[in-house]
Amino acid sequence: MNKQLLTALLATTVSVSAQTITYDFNSQWNGDWQTYHTQTGGSSYSPSMNYSKSHEGRLGGAGGNTLGGTVSAPAGYQGQITSIYEGIPTRSLVNSTDRIRLQGSYSAFANQNAFQNTGVSEAGQVGIINAGSSNASKTLSGGDSVYLGFKELTWTGQNVSAPYPGTATLELGLYVDGVQQVSFGTYTAFDYGARISNGSIWAQWYEYDILFENLGNGDLGYKIGVNQVSHYYDGPTGSINEGAPVSIGTWQGSLGSNGGITNLSNLRAAYGTNIVNTDVTVTGFTFDHTQSGDLHDGVIVVPEPSSSLLAAFSSFLLLVRRKR
């Protein structure tokens, strides 16, 4: 590759900028949000997005904010909840190299008893949704959307007697219109969470850095990085202790057909949950802004099929040449 071509490629890469969406729920939202939900059973209570308590937000350390946004529903609720922030214009991924980047943190504060081998609920969801009029009442699970889902598979904790914080088995995955398209693996989270009568809370925060990019030719690329951060709030003393961020992983790839989204010109960031049954640790969870920095380099490199074949053929020729 000649020097002029390499310089041009580097300039093109650097010039591409993502529309980064981060939320300071304490100041930005300011009541300017809309909650969409679909009731599928359980309580008749209407779930809502509101400010969390200060000890359920982030206080320095790996995070940055004292109040988060909480999606809440009562014990036994079953259904889908999606909240979007309407204080900024919709975003677009219509043109090649258009990008949207979502950065923040999420936590499920466990307050239900154990379940085993039946977990199908997505305790947390964060992604983008088509905000067109036809989707005005859609949830992430039922709308025109692409999102990162946190599925709880098993849960051994409870909030009745000691020892309170239990262990959860989680699966992270990429969903299109509520259907998992890609699994980023299953892993075990110790001290996953509990809240007890004296006000103490154990939890795990999941910092996320999600990049979506129009790669051209109908492909929507994604790159996702996730950290886990332990969190303990001592009810009697009011102190908060957070551990150091631990990387869970970084993943990238591409989805054809615009990532399954029919209208890429009218997108909003969306947060939600899909409680399918009582096999979930929470009836509420918190999203918050994070100041931990980038969790991936923000560059999606997905080789085209022709490029992959060319590389494989070149390796084959090199191997034959060495044998000679």
C-alpha atoms as a PDB file:
ATOM      1  CA  MET A   1       0.000   0.000   0.000  1.00  0.00           C
ATOM      2  CA  ASN A   2       1.507   3.360  -0.978  1.00  0.00           C
ATOM      3  CA  LYS A   3       1.995   6.157   1.520  1.00  0.00           C
ATOM      4  CA  GLN A   4      -0.620   8.501  -0.022  1.00  0.00           C
ATOM      5  CA  LEU A   5      -3.357   5.852   0.084  1.00  0.00           C
ATOM      6  CA  LEU A   6      -2.510   4.937   3.688  1.00  0.00           C
ATOM      7  CA  THR A   7      -2.665   8.608   4.717  1.00  0.00           C
ATOM      8  CA  ALA A   8      -6.068   9.020   3.049  1.00  0.00           C
ATOM      9  CA  LEU A   9      -7.464   5.956   4.806  1.00  0.00           C
ATOM     10  CA  LEU A  10      -6.230   7.135   8.193  1.00  0.00           C
ATOM     11  CA  ALA A  11      -7.724  10.592   7.607  1.00  0.00           C
ATOM     12  CA  THR A  12     -11.061   9.026   6.702  1.00  0.00           C
ATOM     13  CA  THR A  13     -11.068   6.892   9.849  1.00  0.00           C
ATOM     14  CA  VAL A  14     -10.245   9.800  12.136  1.00  0.00           C
ATOM     15  CA  SER A  15     -12.827  12.115  10.547  1.00  0.00           C
ATOM     16  CA  VAL A  16     -15.742   9.794  11.326  1.00  0.00           C
ATOM     17  CA  SER A  17     -17.398  10.904  14.570  1.00  0.00           C
ATOM     18  CA  ALA A  18     -20.110   9.120  16.508  1.00  0.00           C
ATOM     19  CA  GLN A  19     -23.205  10.773  17.900  1.00  0.00           C
ATOM     20  CA  THR A  20     -22.422   9.829  21.493  1.00  0.00           C
ATOM     21  CA  ILE A  21     -25.428   9.686  23.806  1.00  0.00           C
ATOM     22  CA  THR A  22     -24.799   9.772  27.544  1.00  0.00           C
ATOM     23  CA  TYR A  23     -27.346  10.763  30.162  1.00  0.00           C
ATOM     24  CA  ASP A  24     -26.917  12.589  33.427  1.00  0.00           C
ATOM     25  CA  PHE A  25     -30.288  11.552  34.812  1.00  0.00           C
ATOM     26  CA  ASN A  26     -30.126  14.059  37.672  1.00  0.00           C
ATOM     27  CA  SER A  27     -29.987  17.152  35.436  1.00  0.00           C
ATOM     28  CA  GLN A  28     -30.738  16.165  31.857  1.00  0.00           C
ATOM     29  CA  TRP A  29     -33.940  14.205  32.170  1.00  0.00           C
ATOM     30  CA  ASN A  30     -35.630  16.697  34.501  1.00  0.00           C
ATOM     31  CA  GLY A  31     -38.964  14.956  33.985  1.00  0.00           C
ATOM     32  CA  ASP A  32     -38.588  15.145  30.196  1.00  0.00           C
ATOM     33  CA  TRP A  33     -39.030  11.475  29.426  1.00  0.00           C
ATOM     34  CA  GLN A  34     -41.735   9.229  28.114  1.00  0.00           C
ATOM     35  CA  THR A  35     -42.432   5.685  29.254  1.00  0.00           C
ATOM     36  CA  TYR A  36     -43.903   3.105  26.921  1.00  0.00           C
ATOM     37  CA  HIS A  37     -45.096  -0.164  28.348  1.00  0.00           C
ATOM     38  CA  THR A  38     -47.125  -3.190  27.418  1.00  0.00           C
ATOM     39  CA  GLN A  39     -48.937  -4.947  30.237  1.00  0.00           C
ATOM     40  CA  THR A  40     -48.895  -8.728  29.798  1.00  0.00           C
ATOM     41  CA  GLY A  41     -49.963  -9.941  33.240  1.00  0.00           C
ATOM     42  CA  GLY A  42     -49.243  -9.619  36.933  1.00  0.00           C
ATOM     43  CA  SER A  43     -50.127  -6.421  38.734  1.00  0.00           C
ATOM     44  CA  SER A  44     -52.342  -3.758  37.189  1.00  0.00           C
ATOM     45  CA  TYR A  45     -49.783  -1.168  38.297  1.00  0.00           C
ATOM     46  CA  SER A  46     -48.426   1.040  35.512  1.00  0.00           C
ATOM     47  CA  PRO A  47     -44.612   0.983  35.601  1.00  0.00           C
ATOM     48  CA  SER A  48     -42.701   4.221  35.316  1.00  0.00           C
ATOM     49  CA  MET A  49     -39.289   5.816  34.914  1.00  0.00           C
ATOM     50  CA  ASN A  50     -38.270   8.083  37.791  1.00  0.00           C
ATOM     51  CA  TYR A  51     -35.255   9.261  39.719  1.00  0.00           C
ATOM     52  CA  SER A  52     -33.627   6.646  41.891  1.00  0.00           C
ATOM     53  CA  LYS A  53     -32.481   7.238  45.432  1.00  0.00           C
ATOM     54  CA  SER A  54     -29.014   8.696  45.828  1.00  0.00           C
ATOM     55  CA  HIS A  55     -27.525   5.443  47.100  1.00  0.00           C
ATOM     56  CA  GLU A  56     -28.766   3.642  43.993  1.00  0.00           C
ATOM     57  CA  GLY A  57     -26.856   6.007  41.724  1.00  0.00           C
ATOM     58  CA  ARG A  58     -23.128   6.367  41.240  1.00  0.00           C
ATOM     59  CA  LEU A  59     -20.907   8.316  43.639  1.00  0.00           C
ATOM     60  CA  GLY A  60     -17.511   8.919  42.086  1.00  0.00           C
ATOM     61  CA  GLY A  61     -15.222   5.936  41.688  1.00  0.00           C
ATOM     62  CA  ALA A  62     -16.048   4.077  38.503  1.00  0.00           C
ATOM     63  CA  GLY A  63     -19.227   6.101  38.074  1.00  0.00           C
ATOM     64  CA  GLY A  64     -20.016   9.763  38.210  1.00  0.00           C
ATOM     65  CA  ASN A  65     -23.554  10.688  39.224  1.00  0.00           C
ATOM     66  CA  THR A  66     -25.565  10.639  42.449  1.00  0.00           C
ATOM     67  CA  LEU A  67     -28.995  10.024  40.950  1.00  0.00           C
ATOM     68  CA  GLY A  68     -29.954   7.542  38.290  1.00  0.00           C
ATOM     69  CA  GLY A  69     -33.121   6.852  36.376  1.00  0.00           C
ATOM     70  CA  THR A  70     -35.096   3.926  37.747  1.00  0.00           C
ATOM     71  CA  VAL A  71     -37.682   1.830  35.966  1.00  0.00           C
ATOM     72  CA  SER A  72     -39.906   0.547  38.730  1.00  0.00           C
ATOM     73  CA  ALA A  73     -42.679  -2.018  38.995  1.00  0.00           C
ATOM     74  CA  PRO A  74     -44.143  -3.881  41.971  1.00  0.00           C
ATOM     75  CA  ALA A  75     -43.335  -7.443  43.024  1.00  0.00           C
ATOM     76  CA  GLY A  76     -45.040  -9.935  40.738  1.00  0.00           C
ATOM     77  CA  TYR A  77     -45.270  -7.558  37.781  1.00  0.00           C
ATOM     78  CA  GLN A  78     -44.939  -9.187  34.380  1.00  0.00           C
ATOM     79  CA  GLY A  79     -44.579  -7.227  31.193  1.00  0.00           C
ATOM     80  CA  GLN A  80     -42.416  -5.032  29.005  1.00  0.00           C
ATOM     81  CA  ILE A  81     -41.312  -1.514  29.912  1.00  0.00           C
ATOM     82  CA  THR A  82     -39.423   0.911  27.686  1.00  0.00           C
ATOM     83  CA  SER A  83     -38.409   4.495  28.453  1.00  0.00           C
ATOM     84  CA  ILE A  84     -36.950   7.041  26.057  1.00  0.00           C
ATOM     85  CA  TYR A  85     -35.596  10.549  26.567  1.00  0.00           C
ATOM     86  CA  GLU A  86     -37.262  13.134  24.342  1.00  0.00           C
ATOM     87  CA  GLY A  87     -35.139  16.122  25.315  1.00  0.00           C
ATOM     88  CA  ILE A  88     -32.854  15.824  22.275  1.00  0.00           C
ATOM     89  CA  PRO A  89     -33.595  15.405  18.550  1.00  0.00           C
ATOM     90  CA  THR A  90     -33.841  11.938  17.039  1.00  0.00           C
ATOM     91  CA  ARG A  91     -30.650  10.484  15.581  1.00  0.00           C
ATOM     92  CA  SER A  92     -29.924   9.011  12.145  1.00  0.00           C
ATOM     93  CA  LEU A  93     -28.007   6.042  10.767  1.00  0.00           C
ATOM     94  CA  VAL A  94     -29.151   6.521   7.168  1.00  0.00           C
ATOM     95  CA  ASN A  95     -25.819   7.372   5.580  1.00  0.00           C
ATOM     96  CA  SER A  96     -22.733   5.209   5.359  1.00  0.00           C
ATOM     97  CA  THR A  97     -20.399   5.884   8.339  1.00  0.00           C
ATOM     98  CA  ASP A  98     -23.246   7.414  10.424  1.00  0.00           C
ATOM     99  CA  ARG A  99     -22.698   6.316  14.011  1.00  0.00           C
ATOM    100  CA  ILE A 100     -24.506   6.274  17.366  1.00  0.00           C
ATOM    101  CA  ARG A 101     -22.666   5.513  20.580  1.00  0.00           C
ATOM    102  CA  LEU A 102     -24.410   4.815  23.904  1.00  0.00           C
ATOM    103  CA  GLN A 103     -22.399   5.039  27.107  1.00  0.00           C
ATOM    104  CA  GLY A 104     -23.640   4.610  30.640  1.00  0.00           C
ATOM    105  CA  SER A 105     -24.171   2.050  33.369  1.00  0.00           C
ATOM    106  CA  TYR A 106     -26.920  -0.282  34.500  1.00  0.00           C
ATOM    107  CA  SER A 107     -27.685  -2.219  37.658  1.00  0.00           C
ATOM    108  CA  ALA A 108     -30.348  -4.660  38.769  1.00  0.00           C
ATOM    109  CA  PHE A 109     -30.943  -4.384  42.512  1.00  0.00           C
ATOM    110  CA  ALA A 110     -32.126  -7.841  43.560  1.00  0.00           C
ATOM    111  CA  ASN A 111     -35.188  -8.051  45.791  1.00  0.00           C
ATOM    112  CA  GLN A 112     -36.753 -11.370  44.844  1.00  0.00           C
ATOM    113  CA  ASN A 113     -36.017 -14.881  46.023  1.00  0.00           C
ATOM    114  CA  ALA A 114     -34.016 -17.560  44.227  1.00  0.00           C
ATOM    115  CA  PHE A 115     -34.955 -19.306  40.997  1.00  0.00           C
ATOM    116  CA  GLN A 116     -33.126 -22.067  39.158  1.00  0.00           C
ATOM    117  CA  ASN A 117     -32.815 -22.966  35.482  1.00  0.00           C
ATOM    118  CA  THR A 118     -35.944 -21.124  34.353  1.00  0.00           C
ATOM    119  CA  GLY A 119     -34.613 -17.651  33.668  1.00  0.00           C
ATOM    120  CA  VAL A 120     -35.810 -16.030  30.478  1.00  0.00           C
ATOM    121  CA  SER A 121     -36.398 -12.429  31.590  1.00  0.00           C
ATOM    122  CA  GLU A 122     -34.242  -9.605  30.269  1.00  0.00           C
ATOM    123  CA  ALA A 123     -33.739  -7.623  33.451  1.00  0.00           C
ATOM    124  CA  GLY A 124     -32.081  -4.785  31.525  1.00  0.00           C
ATOM    125  CA  GLN A 125     -32.197  -3.532  27.934  1.00  0.00           C
ATOM    126  CA  VAL A 126     -30.376  -0.606  26.327  1.00  0.00           C
ATOM    127  CA  GLY A 127     -30.272   0.278  22.633  1.00  0.00           C
ATOM    128  CA  ILE A 128     -31.946   2.217  19.829  1.00  0.00           C
ATOM    129  CA  ILE A 129     -35.554   2.182  18.636  1.00  0.00           C
ATOM    130  CA  ASN A 130     -37.380   3.612  15.628  1.00  0.00           C
ATOM    131  CA  ALA A 131     -39.304   6.562  17.061  1.00  0.00           C
ATOM    132  CA  GLY A 132     -41.717   6.898  14.127  1.00  0.00           C
ATOM    133  CA  SER A 133     -45.455   7.309  14.682  1.00  0.00           C
ATOM    134  CA  SER A 134     -46.109   3.633  13.985  1.00  0.00           C
ATOM    135  CA  ASN A 135     -43.802   2.763  16.874  1.00  0.00           C
ATOM    136  CA  ALA A 136     -45.065   5.408  19.291  1.00  0.00           C
ATOM    137  CA  SER A 137     -46.316   2.796  21.745  1.00  0.00           C
ATOM    138  CA  LYS A 138     -43.775   0.054  21.070  1.00  0.00           C
ATOM    139  CA  THR A 139     -41.348  -1.435  23.550  1.00  0.00           C
ATOM    140  CA  LEU A 140     -37.774  -2.505  22.807  1.00  0.00           C
ATOM    141  CA  SER A 141     -38.952  -6.121  22.854  1.00  0.00           C
ATOM    142  CA  GLY A 142     -41.887  -5.482  20.531  1.00  0.00           C
ATOM    143  CA  GLY A 143     -40.794  -2.533  18.432  1.00  0.00           C
ATOM    144  CA  ASP A 144     -38.405  -1.710  15.619  1.00  0.00           C
ATOM    145  CA  SER A 145     -35.201  -1.932  17.645  1.00  0.00           C
ATOM    146  CA  VAL A 146     -31.664  -3.166  18.226  1.00  0.00           C
ATOM    147  CA  TYR A 147     -30.424  -3.463  21.801  1.00  0.00           C
ATOM    148  CA  LEU A 148     -28.081  -5.069  24.318  1.00  0.00           C
ATOM    149  CA  GLY A 149     -30.019  -7.352  26.664  1.00  0.00           C
ATOM    150  CA  PHE A 150     -29.048  -8.643  30.121  1.00  0.00           C
ATOM    151  CA  LYS A 151     -30.819 -11.995  30.570  1.00  0.00           C
ATOM    152  CA  GLU A 152     -30.920 -13.583  34.022  1.00  0.00           C
ATOM    153  CA  LEU A 153     -30.693 -17.376  33.713  1.00  0.00           C
ATOM    154  CA  THR A 154     -30.368 -18.430  37.369  1.00  0.00           C
ATOM    155  CA  TRP A 155     -30.356 -16.744  40.764  1.00  0.00           C
ATOM    156  CA  THR A 156     -29.376 -18.268  44.135  1.00  0.00           C
ATOM    157  CA  GLY A 157     -29.839 -15.232  46.368  1.00  0.00           C
ATOM    158  CA  GLN A 158     -32.742 -13.937  48.388  1.00  0.00           C
ATOM    159  CA  ASN A 159     -33.623 -11.054  50.682  1.00  0.00           C
ATOM    160  CA  VAL A 160     -35.145 -12.816  53.663  1.00  0.00           C
ATOM    161  CA  SER A 161     -32.219 -13.982  55.785  1.00  0.00           C
ATOM    162  CA  ALA A 162     -28.415 -14.000  55.719  1.00  0.00           C
ATOM    163  CA  PRO A 163     -26.314 -14.493  53.714  1.00  0.00           C
ATOM    164  CA  TYR A 164     -28.121 -11.976  51.537  1.00  0.00           C
ATOM    165  CA  PRO A 165     -26.190 -11.370  48.298  1.00  0.00           C
ATOM    166  CA  GLY A 166     -26.398 -14.379  46.009  1.00  0.00           C
ATOM    167  CA  THR A 167     -24.944 -15.573  42.737  1.00  0.00           C
ATOM    168  CA  ALA A 168     -26.505 -15.077  39.321  1.00  0.00           C
ATOM    169  CA  THR A 169     -25.881 -16.595  35.925  1.00  0.00           C
ATOM    170  CA  LEU A 170     -26.298 -14.004  33.181  1.00  0.00           C
ATOM    171  CA  GLU A 171     -26.253 -14.038  29.406  1.00  0.00           C
ATOM    172  CA  LEU A 172     -25.452 -10.904  27.430  1.00  0.00           C
ATOM    173  CA  GLY A 173     -26.705 -10.699  23.879  1.00  0.00           C
ATOM    174  CA  LEU A 174     -27.683  -8.476  20.982  1.00  0.00           C
ATOM    175  CA  TYR A 175     -31.398  -8.421  20.198  1.00  0.00           C
ATOM    176  CA  VAL A 176     -33.304  -7.291  17.112  1.00  0.00           C
ATOM    177  CA  ASP A 177     -37.015  -6.594  17.666  1.00  0.00           C
ATOM    178  CA  GLY A 178     -36.912  -8.637  20.850  1.00  0.00           C
ATOM    179  CA  VAL A 179     -35.246 -11.711  19.344  1.00  0.00           C
ATOM    180  CA  GLN A 180     -31.676 -12.556  20.338  1.00  0.00           C
ATOM    181  CA  GLN A 181     -29.423 -12.533  17.274  1.00  0.00           C
ATOM    182  CA  VAL A 182     -25.997 -12.796  18.898  1.00  0.00           C
ATOM    183  CA  SER A 183     -24.907 -14.203  22.267  1.00  0.00           C
ATOM    184  CA  PHE A 184     -21.900 -12.663  23.968  1.00  0.00           C
ATOM    185  CA  GLY A 185     -21.688 -15.582  26.362  1.00  0.00           C
ATOM    186  CA  THR A 186     -22.872 -16.731  29.751  1.00  0.00           C
ATOM    187  CA  TYR A 187     -21.003 -15.839  32.924  1.00  0.00           C
ATOM    188  CA  THR A 188     -21.358 -16.009  36.700  1.00  0.00           C
ATOM    189  CA  ALA A 189     -21.773 -12.883  38.849  1.00  0.00           C
ATOM    190  CA  PHE A 190     -21.018 -13.316  42.559  1.00  0.00           C
ATOM    191  CA  ASP A 191     -22.639 -11.071  45.191  1.00  0.00           C
ATOM    192  CA  TYR A 192     -25.099 -10.142  42.473  1.00  0.00           C
ATOM    193  CA  GLY A 193     -27.386  -8.286  44.799  1.00  0.00           C
ATOM    194  CA  ALA A 194     -29.838  -7.998  47.665  1.00  0.00           C
ATOM    195  CA  ARG A 195     -31.637  -5.311  49.627  1.00  0.00           C
ATOM    196  CA  ILE A 196     -32.596  -5.851  53.253  1.00  0.00           C
ATOM    197  CA  SER A 197     -34.733  -4.214  55.919  1.00  0.00           C
ATOM    198  CA  ASN A 198     -31.982  -2.009  57.383  1.00  0.00           C
ATOM    199  CA  GLY A 199     -31.564  -0.333  53.993  1.00  0.00           C
ATOM    200  CA  SER A 200     -28.336  -2.057  52.957  1.00  0.00           C
ATOM    201  CA  ILE A 201     -27.933  -2.902  49.280  1.00  0.00           C
ATOM    202  CA  TRP A 202     -25.562  -5.203  47.428  1.00  0.00           C
ATOM    203  CA  ALA A 203     -25.449  -4.864  43.653  1.00  0.00           C
ATOM    204  CA  GLN A 204     -23.351  -5.125  40.528  1.00  0.00           C
ATOM    205  CA  TRP A 205     -23.105  -2.242  38.057  1.00  0.00           C
ATOM    206  CA  TYR A 206     -22.577  -2.972  34.372  1.00  0.00           C
ATOM    207  CA  GLU A 207     -20.912  -0.161  32.483  1.00  0.00           C
ATOM    208  CA  TYR A 208     -21.669  -0.339  28.776  1.00  0.00           C
ATOM    209  CA  ASP A 209     -20.157   1.274  25.698  1.00  0.00           C
ATOM    210  CA  ILE A 210     -22.260   0.473  22.613  1.00  0.00           C
ATOM    211  CA  LEU A 211     -21.432   1.643  19.099  1.00  0.00           C
ATOM    212  CA  PHE A 212     -23.705   1.239  16.081  1.00  0.00           C
ATOM    213  CA  GLU A 213     -22.447   2.243  12.624  1.00  0.00           C
ATOM    214  CA  ASN A 214     -23.872   2.144   9.106  1.00  0.00           C
ATOM    215  CA  LEU A 215     -21.193   0.163   7.281  1.00  0.00           C
ATOM    216  CA  GLY A 216     -22.854   0.577   3.893  1.00  0.00           C
ATOM    217  CA  ASN A 217     -24.360  -2.131   1.685  1.00  0.00           C
ATOM    218  CA  GLY A 218     -27.223  -2.544   4.154  1.00  0.00           C
ATOM    219  CA  ASP A 219     -25.005  -3.639   7.038  1.00  0.00           C
ATOM    220  CA  LEU A 220     -25.304  -2.225  10.560  1.00  0.00           C
ATOM    221  CA  GLY A 221     -22.093  -2.755  12.493  1.00  0.00           C
ATOM    222  CA  TYR A 222     -21.857  -2.969  16.265  1.00  0.00           C
ATOM    223  CA  LYS A 223     -19.102  -2.870  18.854  1.00  0.00           C
ATOM    224  CA  ILE A 224     -19.882  -3.420  22.522  1.00  0.00           C
ATOM    225  CA  GLY A 225     -17.745  -3.287  25.652  1.00  0.00           C
ATOM    226  CA  VAL A 226     -18.990  -4.098  29.166  1.00  0.00           C
ATOM    227  CA  ASN A 227     -17.388  -3.705  32.602  1.00  0.00           C
ATOM    228  CA  GLN A 228     -18.673  -5.055  35.907  1.00  0.00           C
ATOM    229  CA  VAL A 229     -18.362  -2.984  39.111  1.00  0.00           C
ATOM    230  CA  SER A 230     -19.331  -4.245  42.566  1.00  0.00           C
ATOM    231  CA  HIS A 231     -21.466  -1.877  44.680  1.00  0.00           C
ATOM    232  CA  TYR A 232     -22.385  -1.957  48.378  1.00  0.00           C
ATOM    233  CA  TYR A 233     -24.466   0.571  50.295  1.00  0.00           C
ATOM    234  CA  ASP A 234     -24.332   0.299  54.091  1.00  0.00           C
ATOM    235  CA  GLY A 235     -27.803   1.269  55.288  1.00  0.00           C
ATOM    236  CA  PRO A 236     -26.954   2.086  58.931  1.00  0.00           C
ATOM    237  CA  THR A 237     -23.894   4.238  58.102  1.00  0.00           C
ATOM    238  CA  GLY A 238     -24.951   5.573  54.696  1.00  0.00           C
ATOM    239  CA  SER A 239     -21.540   4.780  53.180  1.00  0.00           C
ATOM    240  CA  ILE A 240     -21.077   3.536  49.611  1.00  0.00           C
ATOM    241  CA  ASN A 241     -18.258   1.237  48.556  1.00  0.00           C
ATOM    242  CA  GLU A 242     -17.556   0.461  44.912  1.00  0.00           C
ATOM    243  CA  GLY A 243     -14.982  -1.948  43.565  1.00  0.00           C
ATOM    244  CA  ALA A 244     -12.670  -1.461  40.604  1.00  0.00           C
ATOM    245  CA  PRO A 245     -14.109  -2.045  37.113  1.00  0.00           C
ATOM    246  CA  VAL A 246     -13.533  -5.558  35.750  1.00  0.00           C
ATOM    247  CA  SER A 247     -13.855  -6.097  31.994  1.00  0.00           C
ATOM    248  CA  ILE A 248     -16.413  -8.700  30.940  1.00  0.00           C
ATOM    249  CA  GLY A 249     -15.534  -8.403  27.280  1.00  0.00           C
ATOM    250  CA  THR A 250     -15.584  -6.522  23.996  1.00  0.00           C
ATOM    251  CA  TRP A 251     -17.467  -7.816  20.967  1.00  0.00           C
ATOM    252  CA  GLN A 252     -18.044  -6.642  17.412  1.00  0.00           C
ATOM    253  CA  GLY A 253     -19.758  -7.754  14.229  1.00  0.00           C
ATOM    254  CA  SER A 254     -22.404  -6.708  11.723  1.00  0.00           C
ATOM    255  CA  LEU A 255     -26.109  -7.198  11.135  1.00  0.00           C
ATOM    256  CA  GLY A 256     -27.523  -7.170   7.596  1.00  0.00           C
ATOM    257  CA  SER A 257     -30.681  -5.419   6.389  1.00  0.00           C
ATOM    258  CA  ASN A 258     -30.043  -2.228   8.364  1.00  0.00           C
ATOM    259  CA  GLY A 259     -29.817  -4.275  11.530  1.00  0.00           C
ATOM    260  CA  GLY A 260     -33.501  -5.087  11.186  1.00  0.00           C
ATOM    261  CA  ILE A 261     -34.573  -1.447  11.647  1.00  0.00           C
ATOM    262  CA  THR A 262     -36.918  -0.211   8.922  1.00  0.00           C
ATOM    263  CA  ASN A 263     -36.374   3.521   9.483  1.00  0.00           C
ATOM    264  CA  LEU A 264     -32.820   4.543  10.302  1.00  0.00           C
ATOM    265  CA  SER A 265     -33.561   8.272  10.148  1.00  0.00           C
ATOM    266  CA  ASN A 266     -35.746   8.520  13.260  1.00  0.00           C
ATOM    267  CA  LEU A 267     -33.939   6.812  16.137  1.00  0.00           C
ATOM    268  CA  ARG A 268     -33.924   7.364  19.894  1.00  0.00           C
ATOM    269  CA  ALA A 269     -31.935   5.813  22.698  1.00  0.00           C
ATOM    270  CA  ALA A 270     -34.162   3.546  24.777  1.00  0.00           C
ATOM    271  CA  TYR A 271     -33.941   1.737  28.111  1.00  0.00           C
ATOM    272  CA  GLY A 272     -36.190  -1.047  29.263  1.00  0.00           C
ATOM    273  CA  THR A 273     -36.948  -4.434  30.728  1.00  0.00           C
ATOM    274  CA  ASN A 274     -38.870  -7.525  29.697  1.00  0.00           C
ATOM    275  CA  ILE A 275     -40.129  -9.463  32.725  1.00  0.00           C
ATOM    276  CA  VAL A 276     -41.552 -12.616  31.205  1.00  0.00           C
ATOM    277  CA  ASN A 277     -42.219 -14.447  34.435  1.00  0.00           C
ATOM    278  CA  THR A 278     -41.360 -14.177  38.110  1.00  0.00           C
ATOM    279  CA  ASP A 279     -37.948 -15.666  37.258  1.00  0.00           C
ATOM    280  CA  VAL A 280     -36.150 -12.363  37.655  1.00  0.00           C
ATOM    281  CA  THR A 281     -34.227 -10.865  40.571  1.00  0.00           C
ATOM    282  CA  VAL A 282     -35.762  -7.420  40.330  1.00  0.00           C
ATOM    283  CA  THR A 283     -38.882  -5.385  39.882  1.00  0.00           C
ATOM    284  CA  GLY A 284     -36.831  -2.273  39.355  1.00  0.00           C
ATOM    285  CA  PHE A 285     -33.452  -1.352  37.946  1.00  0.00           C
ATOM    286  CA  THR A 286     -31.321   1.746  37.559  1.00  0.00           C
ATOM    287  CA  PHE A 287     -29.525   3.366  34.628  1.00  0.00           C
ATOM    288  CA  ASP A 288     -26.937   6.039  35.183  1.00  0.00           C
ATOM    289  CA  HIS A 289     -24.222   8.080  33.556  1.00  0.00           C
ATOM    290  CA  THR A 290     -20.687   6.763  33.911  1.00  0.00           C
ATOM    291  CA  GLN A 291     -17.348   8.566  33.811  1.00  0.00           C
ATOM    292  CA  SER A 292     -15.135   5.500  33.570  1.00  0.00           C
ATOM    293  CA  GLY A 293     -13.983   6.332  30.052  1.00  0.00           C
ATOM    294  CA  ASP A 294     -14.140   4.417  26.781  1.00  0.00           C
ATOM    295  CA  LEU A 295     -14.538   0.665  27.036  1.00  0.00           C
ATOM    296  CA  HIS A 296     -13.494   0.034  23.422  1.00  0.00           C
ATOM    297  CA  ASP A 297     -11.592   1.916  20.736  1.00  0.00           C
ATOM    298  CA  GLY A 298     -14.695   2.915  18.765  1.00  0.00           C
ATOM    299  CA  VAL A 299     -13.510   1.429  15.466  1.00  0.00           C
ATOM    300  CA  ILE A 300     -15.507  -1.379  13.848  1.00  0.00           C
ATOM    301  CA  VAL A 301     -13.411  -3.629  11.624  1.00  0.00           C
ATOM    302  CA  VAL A 302     -15.580  -6.286   9.970  1.00  0.00           C
ATOM    303  CA  PRO A 303     -13.863  -7.919   6.965  1.00  0.00           C
ATOM    304  CA  GLU A 304     -15.936  -8.315   3.837  1.00  0.00           C
ATOM    305  CA  PRO A 305     -16.383 -11.909   2.595  1.00  0.00           C
ATOM    306  CA  SER A 306     -14.192 -11.197  -0.429  1.00  0.00           C
ATOM    307  CA  SER A 307     -11.452  -9.816   1.834  1.00  0.00           C
ATOM    308  CA  SER A 308     -11.623 -12.885   4.071  1.00  0.00           C
ATOM    309  CA  LEU A 309     -11.374 -15.227   1.083  1.00  0.00           C
ATOM    310  CA  LEU A 310      -8.450 -13.265  -0.305  1.00  0.00           C
ATOM    311  CA  ALA A 311      -6.620 -13.438   3.027  1.00  0.00           C
ATOM    312  CA  ALA A 312      -7.232 -17.186   3.284  1.00  0.00           C
ATOM    313  CA  PHE A 313      -6.053 -17.736  -0.304  1.00  0.00           C
ATOM    314  CA  SER A 314      -2.923 -15.678   0.340  1.00  0.00           C
ATOM    315  CA  SER A 315      -2.154 -17.746   3.446  1.00  0.00           C
ATOM    316  CA  PHE A 316      -2.614 -20.930   1.410  1.00  0.00           C
ATOM    317  CA  LEU A 317      -0.209 -19.742  -1.296  1.00  0.00           C
ATOM    318  CA  LEU A 318       2.355 -18.785   1.352  1.00  0.00           C
ATOM    319  CA  LEU A 319       2.070 -22.233   2.948  1.00  0.00           C
ATOM    320  CA  VAL A 320       2.553 -23.959  -0.442  1.00  0.00           C
ATOM    321  CA  ARG A 321       5.576 -21.774  -1.168  1.00  0.00           C
ATOM    322  CA  ARG A 322       7.172 -22.650   2.176  1.00  0.00           C
ATOM    323  CA  LYS A 323       6.690 -26.376   1.541  1.00  0.00           C
ATOM    324  CA  ARG A 324       8.523 -26.029  -1.768  1.00  0.00           C
END
